[in-house]
Amino acid sequence: MNCWRSYVPIILDKLKQEPLSDAVALRTLRLLKAFVNDAMSGTVLRIVEAGGVEMVSRFVFSKSKTVS
């Protein structure tokens, strides 16, 4: 099963939603991190091509949210 086709788009769509509670955002970012670290070739490239970096950067560089 190719998880990219099923789970990653759902995770990226969740990050696009507003308003997103801090708890949901943190869980969503952790799921995305798991996919980045899954050791499957091409997963990171697909996430980057789908705009994942831009979506995550708004949480990483937010002055109102702490990232742990």
PDB file of N, CA and C in Angstrom:
ATOM      1  N   MET A   1       0.840  -1.187   0.000  1.00  0.00           N
ATOM      2  CA  MET A   1       0.000   0.000   0.000  1.00  0.00           C
ATOM      3  C   MET A   1       0.880   1.245   0.000  1.00  0.00           C
ATOM      4  N   ASN A   2       0.551   2.152  -0.848  1.00  0.00           N
ATOM      5  CA  ASN A   2       1.296   3.398  -0.913  1.00  0.00           C
ATOM      6  C   ASN A   2       0.575   4.432  -0.051  1.00  0.00           C
ATOM      7  N   CYS A   3       1.134   4.692   1.127  1.00  0.00           N
ATOM      8  CA  CYS A   3       0.482   5.608   2.075  1.00  0.00           C
ATOM      9  C   CYS A   3       0.387   7.022   1.541  1.00  0.00           C
ATOM     10  N   TRP A   4       1.315   7.393   0.624  1.00  0.00           N
ATOM     11  CA  TRP A   4       1.267   8.743   0.061  1.00  0.00           C
ATOM     12  C   TRP A   4      -0.089   9.013  -0.551  1.00  0.00           C
ATOM     13  N   ARG A   5      -0.644   8.036  -1.258  1.00  0.00           N
ATOM     14  CA  ARG A   5      -1.896   8.249  -1.977  1.00  0.00           C
ATOM     15  C   ARG A   5      -3.096   8.355  -1.049  1.00  0.00           C
ATOM     16  N   SER A   6      -2.967   7.889   0.171  1.00  0.00           N
ATOM     17  CA  SER A   6      -4.132   7.903   1.044  1.00  0.00           C
ATOM     18  C   SER A   6      -4.018   8.869   2.222  1.00  0.00           C
ATOM     19  N   TYR A   7      -2.929   8.841   2.948  1.00  0.00           N
ATOM     20  CA  TYR A   7      -2.862   9.602   4.188  1.00  0.00           C
ATOM     21  C   TYR A   7      -2.249  10.994   4.056  1.00  0.00           C
ATOM     22  N   VAL A   8      -1.184  11.131   3.314  1.00  0.00           N
ATOM     23  CA  VAL A   8      -0.488  12.418   3.254  1.00  0.00           C
ATOM     24  C   VAL A   8      -1.372  13.543   2.718  1.00  0.00           C
ATOM     25  N   PRO A   9      -2.139  13.336   1.643  1.00  0.00           N
ATOM     26  CA  PRO A   9      -3.029  14.431   1.205  1.00  0.00           C
ATOM     27  C   PRO A   9      -4.036  14.845   2.278  1.00  0.00           C
ATOM     28  N   ILE A  10      -4.501  13.896   3.057  1.00  0.00           N
ATOM     29  CA  ILE A  10      -5.440  14.211   4.143  1.00  0.00           C
ATOM     30  C   ILE A  10      -4.745  15.068   5.197  1.00  0.00           C
ATOM     31  N   ILE A  11      -3.511  14.715   5.529  1.00  0.00           N
ATOM     32  CA  ILE A  11      -2.748  15.486   6.512  1.00  0.00           C
ATOM     33  C   ILE A  11      -2.505  16.905   6.009  1.00  0.00           C
ATOM     34  N   LEU A  12      -2.112  17.033   4.752  1.00  0.00           N
ATOM     35  CA  LEU A  12      -1.865  18.366   4.196  1.00  0.00           C
ATOM     36  C   LEU A  12      -3.148  19.187   4.118  1.00  0.00           C
ATOM     37  N   ASP A  13      -4.265  18.552   3.790  1.00  0.00           N
ATOM     38  CA  ASP A  13      -5.546  19.266   3.780  1.00  0.00           C
ATOM     39  C   ASP A  13      -5.912  19.753   5.175  1.00  0.00           C
ATOM     40  N   LYS A  14      -5.619  18.949   6.184  1.00  0.00           N
ATOM     41  CA  LYS A  14      -5.924  19.334   7.564  1.00  0.00           C
ATOM     42  C   LYS A  14      -5.125  20.579   7.963  1.00  0.00           C
ATOM     43  N   LEU A  15      -3.871  20.659   7.509  1.00  0.00           N
ATOM     44  CA  LEU A  15      -3.051  21.833   7.833  1.00  0.00           C
ATOM     45  C   LEU A  15      -3.569  23.097   7.167  1.00  0.00           C
ATOM     46  N   LYS A  16      -4.302  22.956   6.070  1.00  0.00           N
ATOM     47  CA  LYS A  16      -4.848  24.119   5.361  1.00  0.00           C
ATOM     48  C   LYS A  16      -6.054  24.714   6.074  1.00  0.00           C
ATOM     49  N   GLN A  17      -6.719  23.919   6.910  1.00  0.00           N
ATOM     50  CA  GLN A  17      -7.958  24.359   7.544  1.00  0.00           C
ATOM     51  C   GLN A  17      -7.694  25.442   8.580  1.00  0.00           C
ATOM     52  N   GLU A  18      -8.627  26.345   8.681  1.00  0.00           N
ATOM     53  CA  GLU A  18      -8.593  27.402   9.695  1.00  0.00           C
ATOM     54  C   GLU A  18      -9.945  27.424  10.382  1.00  0.00           C
ATOM     55  N   PRO A  19     -10.081  27.656  11.624  1.00  0.00           N
ATOM     56  CA  PRO A  19      -9.015  27.690  12.608  1.00  0.00           C
ATOM     57  C   PRO A  19      -8.610  26.268  12.996  1.00  0.00           C
ATOM     58  N   LEU A  20      -7.365  26.098  13.309  1.00  0.00           N
ATOM     59  CA  LEU A  20      -6.817  24.807  13.689  1.00  0.00           C
ATOM     60  C   LEU A  20      -6.322  24.935  15.121  1.00  0.00           C
ATOM     61  N   SER A  21      -6.877  24.125  16.018  1.00  0.00           N
ATOM     62  CA  SER A  21      -6.444  24.222  17.413  1.00  0.00           C
ATOM     63  C   SER A  21      -4.984  23.799  17.526  1.00  0.00           C
ATOM     64  N   ASP A  22      -4.337  24.247  18.573  1.00  0.00           N
ATOM     65  CA  ASP A  22      -2.925  23.909  18.776  1.00  0.00           C
ATOM     66  C   ASP A  22      -2.721  22.406  18.898  1.00  0.00           C
ATOM     67  N   ALA A  23      -3.632  21.731  19.593  1.00  0.00           N
ATOM     68  CA  ALA A  23      -3.502  20.286  19.778  1.00  0.00           C
ATOM     69  C   ALA A  23      -3.628  19.544  18.451  1.00  0.00           C
ATOM     70  N   VAL A  24      -4.588  19.939  17.634  1.00  0.00           N
ATOM     71  CA  VAL A  24      -4.776  19.300  16.329  1.00  0.00           C
ATOM     72  C   VAL A  24      -3.598  19.611  15.418  1.00  0.00           C
ATOM     73  N   ALA A  25      -3.126  20.835  15.446  1.00  0.00           N
ATOM     74  CA  ALA A  25      -1.972  21.212  14.623  1.00  0.00           C
ATOM     75  C   ALA A  25      -0.746  20.397  15.008  1.00  0.00           C
ATOM     76  N   LEU A  26      -0.507  20.228  16.289  1.00  0.00           N
ATOM     77  CA  LEU A  26       0.649  19.468  16.750  1.00  0.00           C
ATOM     78  C   LEU A  26       0.557  18.007  16.330  1.00  0.00           C
ATOM     79  N   ARG A  27      -0.615  17.401  16.487  1.00  0.00           N
ATOM     80  CA  ARG A  27      -0.790  16.000  16.061  1.00  0.00           C
ATOM     81  C   ARG A  27      -0.610  15.864  14.560  1.00  0.00           C
ATOM     82  N   THR A  28      -1.136  16.824  13.811  1.00  0.00           N
ATOM     83  CA  THR A  28      -1.021  16.789  12.353  1.00  0.00           C
ATOM     84  C   THR A  28       0.432  16.938  11.922  1.00  0.00           C
ATOM     85  N   LEU A  29       1.158  17.844  12.553  1.00  0.00           N
ATOM     86  CA  LEU A  29       2.569  18.025  12.230  1.00  0.00           C
ATOM     87  C   LEU A  29       3.387  16.788  12.593  1.00  0.00           C
ATOM     88  N   ARG A  30       3.034  16.128  13.684  1.00  0.00           N
ATOM     89  CA  ARG A  30       3.736  14.890  14.058  1.00  0.00           C
ATOM     90  C   ARG A  30       3.481  13.780  13.042  1.00  0.00           C
ATOM     91  N   LEU A  31       2.257  13.695  12.546  1.00  0.00           N
ATOM     92  CA  LEU A  31       1.958  12.706  11.502  1.00  0.00           C
ATOM     93  C   LEU A  31       2.756  12.987  10.239  1.00  0.00           C
ATOM     94  N   LEU A  32       2.819  14.243   9.857  1.00  0.00           N
ATOM     95  CA  LEU A  32       3.585  14.609   8.669  1.00  0.00           C
ATOM     96  C   LEU A  32       5.066  14.291   8.870  1.00  0.00           C
ATOM     97  N   LYS A  33       5.575  14.537  10.065  1.00  0.00           N
ATOM     98  CA  LYS A  33       6.969  14.211  10.379  1.00  0.00           C
ATOM     99  C   LYS A  33       7.209  12.710  10.236  1.00  0.00           C
ATOM    100  N   ALA A  34       6.257  11.898  10.664  1.00  0.00           N
ATOM    101  CA  ALA A  34       6.397  10.448  10.528  1.00  0.00           C
ATOM    102  C   ALA A  34       6.502  10.045   9.065  1.00  0.00           C
ATOM    103  N   PHE A  35       5.739  10.691   8.203  1.00  0.00           N
ATOM    104  CA  PHE A  35       5.827  10.381   6.780  1.00  0.00           C
ATOM    105  C   PHE A  35       7.150  10.847   6.185  1.00  0.00           C
ATOM    106  N   VAL A  36       7.654  11.978   6.639  1.00  0.00           N
ATOM    107  CA  VAL A  36       8.948  12.458   6.144  1.00  0.00           C
ATOM    108  C   VAL A  36      10.054  11.486   6.547  1.00  0.00           C
ATOM    109  N   ASN A  37       9.933  10.897   7.725  1.00  0.00           N
ATOM    110  CA  ASN A  37      10.954   9.985   8.242  1.00  0.00           C
ATOM    111  C   ASN A  37      10.660   8.515   7.947  1.00  0.00           C
ATOM    112  N   ASP A  38       9.767   8.213   7.021  1.00  0.00           N
ATOM    113  CA  ASP A  38       9.356   6.824   6.788  1.00  0.00           C
ATOM    114  C   ASP A  38      10.345   5.991   5.979  1.00  0.00           C
ATOM    115  N   ALA A  39      11.389   6.608   5.463  1.00  0.00           N
ATOM    116  CA  ALA A  39      12.443   5.925   4.697  1.00  0.00           C
ATOM    117  C   ALA A  39      11.955   5.364   3.365  1.00  0.00           C
ATOM    118  N   MET A  40      10.812   5.812   2.899  1.00  0.00           N
ATOM    119  CA  MET A  40      10.334   5.398   1.578  1.00  0.00           C
ATOM    120  C   MET A  40      10.822   6.424   0.557  1.00  0.00           C
ATOM    121  N   SER A  41      11.424   5.932  -0.484  1.00  0.00           N
ATOM    122  CA  SER A  41      11.980   6.852  -1.477  1.00  0.00           C
ATOM    123  C   SER A  41      10.874   7.676  -2.128  1.00  0.00           C
ATOM    124  N   GLY A  42      11.113   8.944  -2.216  1.00  0.00           N
ATOM    125  CA  GLY A  42      10.189   9.837  -2.895  1.00  0.00           C
ATOM    126  C   GLY A  42       9.137  10.487  -2.022  1.00  0.00           C
ATOM    127  N   THR A  43       8.964  10.021  -0.798  1.00  0.00           N
ATOM    128  CA  THR A  43       7.915  10.595   0.050  1.00  0.00           C
ATOM    129  C   THR A  43       8.174  12.070   0.327  1.00  0.00           C
ATOM    130  N   VAL A  44       9.393  12.403   0.692  1.00  0.00           N
ATOM    131  CA  VAL A  44       9.720  13.801   0.993  1.00  0.00           C
ATOM    132  C   VAL A  44       9.515  14.664  -0.243  1.00  0.00           C
ATOM    133  N   LEU A  45       9.955  14.177  -1.383  1.00  0.00           N
ATOM    134  CA  LEU A  45       9.796  14.935  -2.626  1.00  0.00           C
ATOM    135  C   LEU A  45       8.323  15.193  -2.926  1.00  0.00           C
ATOM    136  N   ARG A  46       7.492  14.191  -2.731  1.00  0.00           N
ATOM    137  CA  ARG A  46       6.053  14.358  -2.984  1.00  0.00           C
ATOM    138  C   ARG A  46       5.427  15.360  -2.017  1.00  0.00           C
ATOM    139  N   ILE A  47       5.857  15.322  -0.766  1.00  0.00           N
ATOM    140  CA  ILE A  47       5.333  16.274   0.221  1.00  0.00           C
ATOM    141  C   ILE A  47       5.749  17.693  -0.152  1.00  0.00           C
ATOM    142  N   VAL A  48       7.000  17.856  -0.561  1.00  0.00           N
ATOM    143  CA  VAL A  48       7.483  19.181  -0.976  1.00  0.00           C
ATOM    144  C   VAL A  48       6.721  19.662  -2.202  1.00  0.00           C
ATOM    145  N   GLU A  49       6.536  18.782  -3.182  1.00  0.00           N
ATOM    146  CA  GLU A  49       5.810  19.156  -4.399  1.00  0.00           C
ATOM    147  C   GLU A  49       4.355  19.519  -4.114  1.00  0.00           C
ATOM    148  N   ALA A  50       3.779  18.935  -3.071  1.00  0.00           N
ATOM    149  CA  ALA A  50       2.389  19.221  -2.717  1.00  0.00           C
ATOM    150  C   ALA A  50       2.251  20.489  -1.880  1.00  0.00           C
ATOM    151  N   GLY A  51       3.365  21.165  -1.612  1.00  0.00           N
ATOM    152  CA  GLY A  51       3.304  22.411  -0.844  1.00  0.00           C
ATOM    153  C   GLY A  51       3.428  22.225   0.648  1.00  0.00           C
ATOM    154  N   GLY A  52       3.909  21.087   1.074  1.00  0.00           N
ATOM    155  CA  GLY A  52       4.027  20.803   2.500  1.00  0.00           C
ATOM    156  C   GLY A  52       4.948  21.740   3.250  1.00  0.00           C
ATOM    157  N   VAL A  53       6.025  22.170   2.611  1.00  0.00           N
ATOM    158  CA  VAL A  53       6.977  23.071   3.278  1.00  0.00           C
ATOM    159  C   VAL A  53       6.306  24.402   3.606  1.00  0.00           C
ATOM    160  N   GLU A  54       5.567  24.938   2.653  1.00  0.00           N
ATOM    161  CA  GLU A  54       4.883  26.212   2.880  1.00  0.00           C
ATOM    162  C   GLU A  54       3.841  26.088   3.989  1.00  0.00           C
ATOM    163  N   MET A  55       3.127  24.966   4.013  1.00  0.00           N
ATOM    164  CA  MET A  55       2.105  24.783   5.044  1.00  0.00           C
ATOM    165  C   MET A  55       2.719  24.656   6.427  1.00  0.00           C
ATOM    166  N   VAL A  56       3.819  23.919   6.533  1.00  0.00           N
ATOM    167  CA  VAL A  56       4.464  23.720   7.826  1.00  0.00           C
ATOM    168  C   VAL A  56       5.155  24.999   8.294  1.00  0.00           C
ATOM    169  N   SER A  57       5.711  25.765   7.373  1.00  0.00           N
ATOM    170  CA  SER A  57       6.461  26.964   7.759  1.00  0.00           C
ATOM    171  C   SER A  57       5.602  27.985   8.486  1.00  0.00           C
ATOM    172  N   ARG A  58       4.329  28.027   8.194  1.00  0.00           N
ATOM    173  CA  ARG A  58       3.492  29.010   8.902  1.00  0.00           C
ATOM    174  C   ARG A  58       3.348  28.655  10.378  1.00  0.00           C
ATOM    175  N   PHE A  59       3.524  27.381  10.734  1.00  0.00           N
ATOM    176  CA  PHE A  59       3.491  26.985  12.142  1.00  0.00           C
ATOM    177  C   PHE A  59       4.860  27.160  12.787  1.00  0.00           C
ATOM    178  N   VAL A  60       5.902  26.846  12.062  1.00  0.00           N
ATOM    179  CA  VAL A  60       7.255  26.929  12.600  1.00  0.00           C
ATOM    180  C   VAL A  60       7.644  28.374  12.877  1.00  0.00           C
ATOM    181  N   PHE A  61       7.258  29.283  11.996  1.00  0.00           N
ATOM    182  CA  PHE A  61       7.655  30.678  12.130  1.00  0.00           C
ATOM    183  C   PHE A  61       6.574  31.560  12.745  1.00  0.00           C
ATOM    184  N   SER A  62       5.550  30.959  13.346  1.00  0.00           N
ATOM    185  CA  SER A  62       4.476  31.727  13.963  1.00  0.00           C
ATOM    186  C   SER A  62       4.931  32.272  15.314  1.00  0.00           C
ATOM    187  N   LYS A  63       4.708  33.553  15.526  1.00  0.00           N
ATOM    188  CA  LYS A  63       5.070  34.157  16.809  1.00  0.00           C
ATOM    189  C   LYS A  63       4.064  33.802  17.900  1.00  0.00           C
ATOM    190  N   SER A  64       2.861  33.384  17.511  1.00  0.00           N
ATOM    191  CA  SER A  64       1.835  33.097  18.507  1.00  0.00           C
ATOM    192  C   SER A  64       1.776  31.625  18.896  1.00  0.00           C
ATOM    193  N   LYS A  65       2.532  30.772  18.220  1.00  0.00           N
ATOM    194  CA  LYS A  65       2.502  29.345  18.532  1.00  0.00           C
ATOM    195  C   LYS A  65       3.897  28.875  18.912  1.00  0.00           C
ATOM    196  N   THR A  66       3.944  28.025  19.929  1.00  0.00           N
ATOM    197  CA  THR A  66       5.221  27.432  20.300  1.00  0.00           C
ATOM    198  C   THR A  66       5.337  26.064  19.656  1.00  0.00           C
ATOM    199  N   VAL A  67       6.497  25.766  19.161  1.00  0.00           N
ATOM    200  CA  VAL A  67       6.734  24.467  18.541  1.00  0.00           C
ATOM    201  C   VAL A  67       7.623  23.673  19.465  1.00  0.00           C
ATOM    202  N   SER A  68       7.169  22.464  19.814  1.00  0.00           N
ATOM    203  CA  SER A  68       7.972  21.622  20.711  1.00  0.00           C
ATOM    204  C   SER A  68       8.291  20.309  20.058  1.00  0.00           C
TER     205      SER A  68
END
